[in-house]
PDB file of N, CA and C in Angstrom:
ATOM      1  N   MET A   1     -93.868  67.780  -1.493  1.00  0.00           N
ATOM      2  CA  MET A   1     -93.397  67.704  -0.136  1.00  0.00           C
ATOM      3  C   MET A   1     -92.534  66.455   0.001  1.00  0.00           C
ATOM      4  N   THR A   2     -91.418  66.589   0.705  1.00  0.00           N
ATOM      5  CA  THR A   2     -90.533  65.468   0.976  1.00  0.00           C
ATOM      6  C   THR A   2     -90.325  65.349   2.471  1.00  0.00           C
ATOM      7  N   ILE A   3     -90.376  64.143   2.975  1.00  0.00           N
ATOM      8  CA  ILE A   3     -90.067  63.862   4.374  1.00  0.00           C
ATOM      9  C   ILE A   3     -88.727  63.149   4.385  1.00  0.00           C
ATOM     10  N   MET A   4     -87.785  63.639   5.175  1.00  0.00           N
ATOM     11  CA  MET A   4     -86.459  63.031   5.276  1.00  0.00           C
ATOM     12  C   MET A   4     -86.334  62.352   6.630  1.00  0.00           C
ATOM     13  N   VAL A   5     -85.886  61.101   6.632  1.00  0.00           N
ATOM     14  CA  VAL A   5     -85.680  60.335   7.856  1.00  0.00           C
ATOM     15  C   VAL A   5     -84.208  59.956   7.917  1.00  0.00           C
ATOM     16  N   LYS A   6     -83.530  60.304   9.007  1.00  0.00           N
ATOM     17  CA  LYS A   6     -82.122  59.928   9.183  1.00  0.00           C
ATOM     18  C   LYS A   6     -82.058  58.780  10.177  1.00  0.00           C
ATOM     19  N   VAL A   7     -81.376  57.705   9.775  1.00  0.00           N
ATOM     20  CA  VAL A   7     -81.200  56.526  10.615  1.00  0.00           C
ATOM     21  C   VAL A   7     -79.706  56.360  10.834  1.00  0.00           C
ATOM     22  N   SER A   8     -79.297  56.068  12.085  1.00  0.00           N
ATOM     23  CA  SER A   8     -77.874  55.883  12.351  1.00  0.00           C
ATOM     24  C   SER A   8     -77.656  54.770  13.355  1.00  0.00           C
ATOM     25  N   CYS A   9     -76.450  54.204  13.319  1.00  0.00           N
ATOM     26  CA  CYS A   9     -76.053  53.147  14.243  1.00  0.00           C
ATOM     27  C   CYS A   9     -74.606  53.433  14.632  1.00  0.00           C
ATOM     28  N   ASN A  10     -74.315  53.337  15.912  1.00  0.00           N
ATOM     29  CA  ASN A  10     -73.013  53.740  16.428  1.00  0.00           C
ATOM     30  C   ASN A  10     -72.379  52.594  17.213  1.00  0.00           C
ATOM     31  N   GLY A  11     -71.057  52.637  17.346  1.00  0.00           N
ATOM     32  CA  GLY A  11     -70.351  51.648  18.154  1.00  0.00           C
ATOM     33  C   GLY A  11     -70.357  50.280  17.498  1.00  0.00           C
ATOM     34  N   ASN A  12     -70.159  49.245  18.293  1.00  0.00           N
ATOM     35  CA  ASN A  12     -70.119  47.881  17.770  1.00  0.00           C
ATOM     36  C   ASN A  12     -71.511  47.271  17.711  1.00  0.00           C
ATOM     37  N   TYR A  13     -72.407  47.981  17.048  1.00  0.00           N
ATOM     38  CA  TYR A  13     -73.775  47.513  16.868  1.00  0.00           C
ATOM     39  C   TYR A  13     -74.140  47.578  15.399  1.00  0.00           C
ATOM     40  N   LYS A  14     -75.109  46.773  15.007  1.00  0.00           N
ATOM     41  CA  LYS A  14     -75.634  46.794  13.637  1.00  0.00           C
ATOM     42  C   LYS A  14     -77.147  46.771  13.709  1.00  0.00           C
ATOM     43  N   CYS A  15     -77.761  47.309  12.669  1.00  0.00           N
ATOM     44  CA  CYS A  15     -79.206  47.444  12.677  1.00  0.00           C
ATOM     45  C   CYS A  15     -79.737  47.316  11.248  1.00  0.00           C
ATOM     46  N   PRO A  16     -80.625  46.357  10.994  1.00  0.00           N
ATOM     47  CA  PRO A  16     -81.211  46.242   9.658  1.00  0.00           C
ATOM     48  C   PRO A  16     -82.248  47.338   9.422  1.00  0.00           C
ATOM     49  N   VAL A  17     -82.272  47.837   8.187  1.00  0.00           N
ATOM     50  CA  VAL A  17     -83.210  48.883   7.793  1.00  0.00           C
ATOM     51  C   VAL A  17     -83.801  48.487   6.443  1.00  0.00           C
ATOM     52  N   SER A  18     -85.110  48.658   6.294  1.00  0.00           N
ATOM     53  CA  SER A  18     -85.723  48.448   4.985  1.00  0.00           C
ATOM     54  C   SER A  18     -86.839  49.469   4.811  1.00  0.00           C
ATOM     55  N   TYR A  19     -87.052  49.871   3.567  1.00  0.00           N
ATOM     56  CA  TYR A  19     -88.145  50.802   3.285  1.00  0.00           C
ATOM     57  C   TYR A  19     -88.735  50.519   1.926  1.00  0.00           C
ATOM     58  N   LYS A  20     -89.974  50.971   1.773  1.00  0.00           N
ATOM     59  CA  LYS A  20     -90.671  50.791   0.505  1.00  0.00           C
ATOM     60  C   LYS A  20     -91.653  51.936   0.309  1.00  0.00           C
ATOM     61  N   GLN A  21     -91.691  52.430  -0.907  1.00  0.00           N
ATOM     62  CA  GLN A  21     -92.689  53.408  -1.327  1.00  0.00           C
ATOM     63  C   GLN A  21     -92.921  53.194  -2.814  1.00  0.00           C
ATOM     64  N   GLY A  22     -94.063  52.656  -3.156  1.00  0.00           N
ATOM     65  CA  GLY A  22     -94.349  52.349  -4.554  1.00  0.00           C
ATOM     66  C   GLY A  22     -93.358  51.326  -5.088  1.00  0.00           C
ATOM     67  N   GLU A  23     -92.698  51.642  -6.196  1.00  0.00           N
ATOM     68  CA  GLU A  23     -91.707  50.744  -6.795  1.00  0.00           C
ATOM     69  C   GLU A  23     -90.336  50.846  -6.126  1.00  0.00           C
ATOM     70  N   ARG A  24     -90.137  51.872  -5.307  1.00  0.00           N
ATOM     71  CA  ARG A  24     -88.860  52.087  -4.624  1.00  0.00           C
ATOM     72  C   ARG A  24     -88.788  51.200  -3.387  1.00  0.00           C
ATOM     73  N   GLU A  25     -87.812  50.309  -3.338  1.00  0.00           N
ATOM     74  CA  GLU A  25     -87.669  49.406  -2.206  1.00  0.00           C
ATOM     75  C   GLU A  25     -86.187  49.132  -1.980  1.00  0.00           C
ATOM     76  N   GLU A  26     -85.745  49.167  -0.729  1.00  0.00           N
ATOM     77  CA  GLU A  26     -84.340  48.928  -0.412  1.00  0.00           C
ATOM     78  C   GLU A  26     -84.220  48.337   0.984  1.00  0.00           C
ATOM     79  N   SER A  27     -83.232  47.462   1.149  1.00  0.00           N
ATOM     80  CA  SER A  27     -82.898  46.881   2.450  1.00  0.00           C
ATOM     81  C   SER A  27     -81.386  46.934   2.618  1.00  0.00           C
ATOM     82  N   PHE A  28     -80.930  47.269   3.808  1.00  0.00           N
ATOM     83  CA  PHE A  28     -79.504  47.324   4.097  1.00  0.00           C
ATOM     84  C   PHE A  28     -79.297  47.222   5.602  1.00  0.00           C
ATOM     85  N   THR A  29     -78.048  47.043   6.016  1.00  0.00           N
ATOM     86  CA  THR A  29     -77.702  46.985   7.434  1.00  0.00           C
ATOM     87  C   THR A  29     -76.704  48.083   7.733  1.00  0.00           C
ATOM     88  N   LEU A  30     -77.026  48.909   8.710  1.00  0.00           N
ATOM     89  CA  LEU A  30     -76.097  49.923   9.192  1.00  0.00           C
ATOM     90  C   LEU A  30     -75.228  49.285  10.260  1.00  0.00           C
ATOM     91  N   SER A  31     -73.944  49.662  10.310  1.00  0.00           N
ATOM     92  CA  SER A  31     -73.052  49.151  11.345  1.00  0.00           C
ATOM     93  C   SER A  31     -72.034  50.224  11.708  1.00  0.00           C
ATOM     94  N   GLY A  32     -71.884  50.464  12.995  1.00  0.00           N
ATOM     95  CA  GLY A  32     -70.897  51.420  13.470  1.00  0.00           C
ATOM     96  C   GLY A  32     -69.542  50.792  13.724  1.00  0.00           C
ATOM     97  N   ARG A  33     -69.445  49.482  13.559  1.00  0.00           N
ATOM     98  CA  ARG A  33     -68.204  48.762  13.853  1.00  0.00           C
ATOM     99  C   ARG A  33     -67.045  49.296  13.014  1.00  0.00           C
ATOM    100  N   GLY A  34     -65.952  49.652  13.704  1.00  0.00           N
ATOM    101  CA  GLY A  34     -64.743  50.096  13.021  1.00  0.00           C
ATOM    102  C   GLY A  34     -64.801  51.517  12.483  1.00  0.00           C
ATOM    103  N   LYS A  35     -65.837  52.262  12.786  1.00  0.00           N
ATOM    104  CA  LYS A  35     -65.969  53.637  12.300  1.00  0.00           C
ATOM    105  C   LYS A  35     -65.725  54.614  13.444  1.00  0.00           C
ATOM    106  N   SER A  36     -65.194  55.774  13.129  1.00  0.00           N
ATOM    107  CA  SER A  36     -64.938  56.788  14.158  1.00  0.00           C
ATOM    108  C   SER A  36     -66.225  57.506  14.586  1.00  0.00           C
ATOM    109  N   GLY A  37     -67.266  57.396  13.797  1.00  0.00           N
ATOM    110  CA  GLY A  37     -68.564  57.994  14.112  1.00  0.00           C
ATOM    111  C   GLY A  37     -69.661  57.051  13.692  1.00  0.00           C
ATOM    112  N   PRO A  38     -70.903  57.471  13.801  1.00  0.00           N
ATOM    113  CA  PRO A  38     -72.006  56.588  13.433  1.00  0.00           C
ATOM    114  C   PRO A  38     -72.112  56.355  11.927  1.00  0.00           C
ATOM    115  N   ASP A  39     -72.635  55.197  11.564  1.00  0.00           N
ATOM    116  CA  ASP A  39     -72.998  54.894  10.185  1.00  0.00           C
ATOM    117  C   ASP A  39     -74.387  55.479   9.988  1.00  0.00           C
ATOM    118  N   GLU A  40     -74.540  56.421   9.053  1.00  0.00           N
ATOM    119  CA  GLU A  40     -75.804  57.141   8.884  1.00  0.00           C
ATOM    120  C   GLU A  40     -76.319  57.030   7.460  1.00  0.00           C
ATOM    121  N   ARG A  41     -77.628  57.062   7.334  1.00  0.00           N
ATOM    122  CA  ARG A  41     -78.265  57.107   6.020  1.00  0.00           C
ATOM    123  C   ARG A  41     -79.495  57.994   6.121  1.00  0.00           C
ATOM    124  N   THR A  42     -79.671  58.889   5.170  1.00  0.00           N
ATOM    125  CA  THR A  42     -80.869  59.724   5.100  1.00  0.00           C
ATOM    126  C   THR A  42     -81.766  59.169   4.005  1.00  0.00           C
ATOM    127  N   ILE A  43     -83.024  58.926   4.366  1.00  0.00           N
ATOM    128  CA  ILE A  43     -83.972  58.302   3.450  1.00  0.00           C
ATOM    129  C   ILE A  43     -85.082  59.299   3.130  1.00  0.00           C
ATOM    130  N   PRO A  44     -85.249  59.672   1.855  1.00  0.00           N
ATOM    131  CA  PRO A  44     -86.341  60.580   1.489  1.00  0.00           C
ATOM    132  C   PRO A  44     -87.615  59.810   1.143  1.00  0.00           C
ATOM    133  N   PHE A  45     -88.729  60.282   1.641  1.00  0.00           N
ATOM    134  CA  PHE A  45     -90.042  59.772   1.245  1.00  0.00           C
ATOM    135  C   PHE A  45     -90.772  60.925   0.573  1.00  0.00           C
ATOM    136  N   TYR A  46     -91.427  60.661  -0.537  1.00  0.00           N
ATOM    137  CA  TYR A  46     -92.041  61.701  -1.350  1.00  0.00           C
ATOM    138  C   TYR A  46     -93.553  61.701  -1.189  1.00  0.00           C
ATOM    139  N   HIS A  47     -94.137  62.881  -1.271  1.00  0.00           N
ATOM    140  CA  HIS A  47     -95.587  63.019  -1.206  1.00  0.00           C
ATOM    141  C   HIS A  47     -96.191  62.357  -2.439  1.00  0.00           C
ATOM    142  N   SER A  48     -97.009  61.336  -2.199  1.00  0.00           N
ATOM    143  CA  SER A  48     -97.681  60.643  -3.303  1.00  0.00           C
ATOM    144  C   SER A  48     -98.812  59.796  -2.729  1.00  0.00           C
ATOM    145  N   ALA A  49     -99.532  59.142  -3.611  1.00  0.00           N
ATOM    146  CA  ALA A  49    -100.620  58.264  -3.177  1.00  0.00           C
ATOM    147  C   ALA A  49    -100.087  56.948  -2.607  1.00  0.00           C
ATOM    148  N   ASP A  50     -98.807  56.638  -2.888  1.00  0.00           N
ATOM    149  CA  ASP A  50     -98.204  55.397  -2.396  1.00  0.00           C
ATOM    150  C   ASP A  50     -97.884  55.498  -0.907  1.00  0.00           C
ATOM    151  N   ALA A  51     -98.243  54.466  -0.159  1.00  0.00           N
ATOM    152  CA  ALA A  51     -97.929  54.429   1.271  1.00  0.00           C
ATOM    153  C   ALA A  51     -96.418  54.342   1.473  1.00  0.00           C
ATOM    154  N   MET A  52     -95.949  54.880   2.577  1.00  0.00           N
ATOM    155  CA  MET A  52     -94.540  54.842   2.924  1.00  0.00           C
ATOM    156  C   MET A  52     -94.363  53.866   4.080  1.00  0.00           C
ATOM    157  N   THR A  53     -93.442  52.914   3.938  1.00  0.00           N
ATOM    158  CA  THR A  53     -93.189  51.936   4.979  1.00  0.00           C
ATOM    159  C   THR A  53     -91.700  51.943   5.303  1.00  0.00           C
ATOM    160  N   LEU A  54     -91.361  52.064   6.585  1.00  0.00           N
ATOM    161  CA  LEU A  54     -89.973  52.055   7.057  1.00  0.00           C
ATOM    162  C   LEU A  54     -89.883  51.095   8.223  1.00  0.00           C
ATOM    163  N   SER A  55     -88.929  50.174   8.160  1.00  0.00           N
ATOM    164  CA  SER A  55     -88.710  49.219   9.240  1.00  0.00           C
ATOM    165  C   SER A  55     -87.262  49.342   9.699  1.00  0.00           C
ATOM    166  N   VAL A  56     -87.061  49.521  11.013  1.00  0.00           N
ATOM    167  CA  VAL A  56     -85.721  49.667  11.587  1.00  0.00           C
ATOM    168  C   VAL A  56     -85.599  48.710  12.764  1.00  0.00           C
ATOM    169  N   GLY A  57     -84.536  47.898  12.759  1.00  0.00           N
ATOM    170  CA  GLY A  57     -84.232  47.051  13.907  1.00  0.00           C
ATOM    171  C   GLY A  57     -84.640  45.615  13.704  1.00  0.00           C
ATOM    172  N   PRO A  58     -84.355  44.809  14.688  1.00  0.00           N
ATOM    173  CA  PRO A  58     -83.797  45.171  15.986  1.00  0.00           C
ATOM    174  C   PRO A  58     -82.276  45.344  15.920  1.00  0.00           C
ATOM    175  N   GLU A  59     -81.785  46.239  16.750  1.00  0.00           N
ATOM    176  CA  GLU A  59     -80.346  46.468  16.851  1.00  0.00           C
ATOM    177  C   GLU A  59     -79.716  45.289  17.582  1.00  0.00           C
ATOM    178  N   GLU A  60     -78.527  44.883  17.146  1.00  0.00           N
ATOM    179  CA  GLU A  60     -77.812  43.811  17.824  1.00  0.00           C
ATOM    180  C   GLU A  60     -76.324  44.068  17.791  1.00  0.00           C
ATOM    181  N   GLN A  61     -75.597  43.386  18.647  1.00  0.00           N
ATOM    182  CA  GLN A  61     -74.150  43.569  18.713  1.00  0.00           C
ATOM    183  C   GLN A  61     -73.516  43.096  17.427  1.00  0.00           C
ATOM    184  N   ASP A  62     -72.518  43.837  16.933  1.00  0.00           N
ATOM    185  CA  ASP A  62     -71.805  43.492  15.703  1.00  0.00           C
ATOM    186  C   ASP A  62     -70.416  42.994  16.089  1.00  0.00           C
ATOM    187  N   ASN A  63     -70.233  41.684  15.994  1.00  0.00           N
ATOM    188  CA  ASN A  63     -68.954  41.080  16.338  1.00  0.00           C
ATOM    189  C   ASN A  63     -68.047  40.928  15.128  1.00  0.00           C
ATOM    190  N   GLY A  64     -68.456  41.478  13.989  1.00  0.00           N
ATOM    191  CA  GLY A  64     -67.649  41.419  12.788  1.00  0.00           C
ATOM    192  C   GLY A  64     -67.801  40.117  12.025  1.00  0.00           C
ATOM    193  N   GLU A  65     -68.764  39.294  12.399  1.00  0.00           N
ATOM    194  CA  GLU A  65     -68.992  38.021  11.728  1.00  0.00           C
ATOM    195  C   GLU A  65     -70.002  38.219  10.597  1.00  0.00           C
ATOM    196  N   GLU A  66     -69.783  37.493   9.516  1.00  0.00           N
ATOM    197  CA  GLU A  66     -70.728  37.528   8.399  1.00  0.00           C
ATOM    198  C   GLU A  66     -71.970  36.735   8.774  1.00  0.00           C
ATOM    199  N   ALA A  67     -73.101  37.156   8.286  1.00  0.00           N
ATOM    200  CA  ALA A  67     -74.350  36.425   8.542  1.00  0.00           C
ATOM    201  C   ALA A  67     -74.307  35.090   7.812  1.00  0.00           C
ATOM    202  N   SER A  68     -74.814  34.066   8.440  1.00  0.00           N
ATOM    203  CA  SER A  68     -74.867  32.752   7.795  1.00  0.00           C
ATOM    204  C   SER A  68     -76.286  32.459   7.347  1.00  0.00           C
ATOM    205  N   GLY A  69     -76.432  31.569   6.416  1.00  0.00           N
ATOM    206  CA  GLY A  69     -77.765  31.169   6.045  1.00  0.00           C
ATOM    207  C   GLY A  69     -77.996  31.300   4.617  1.00  0.00           C
TER     208      GLY A  69
END
């Protein structure tokens, strides 16, 4: 069994997304800035003994500036 989760961000906003399942782990930021439609990503989670963790947000305005730090 597979569970598919679609995450999207539209307009001049950005949203951090991270997920983990077993050894599979990824973090990225979706941003709709400069796109004609939403920035979308589909994330599959697989049936297994490993817990599935998905974190989305918080959404914030995307002014086109690079993150500092």
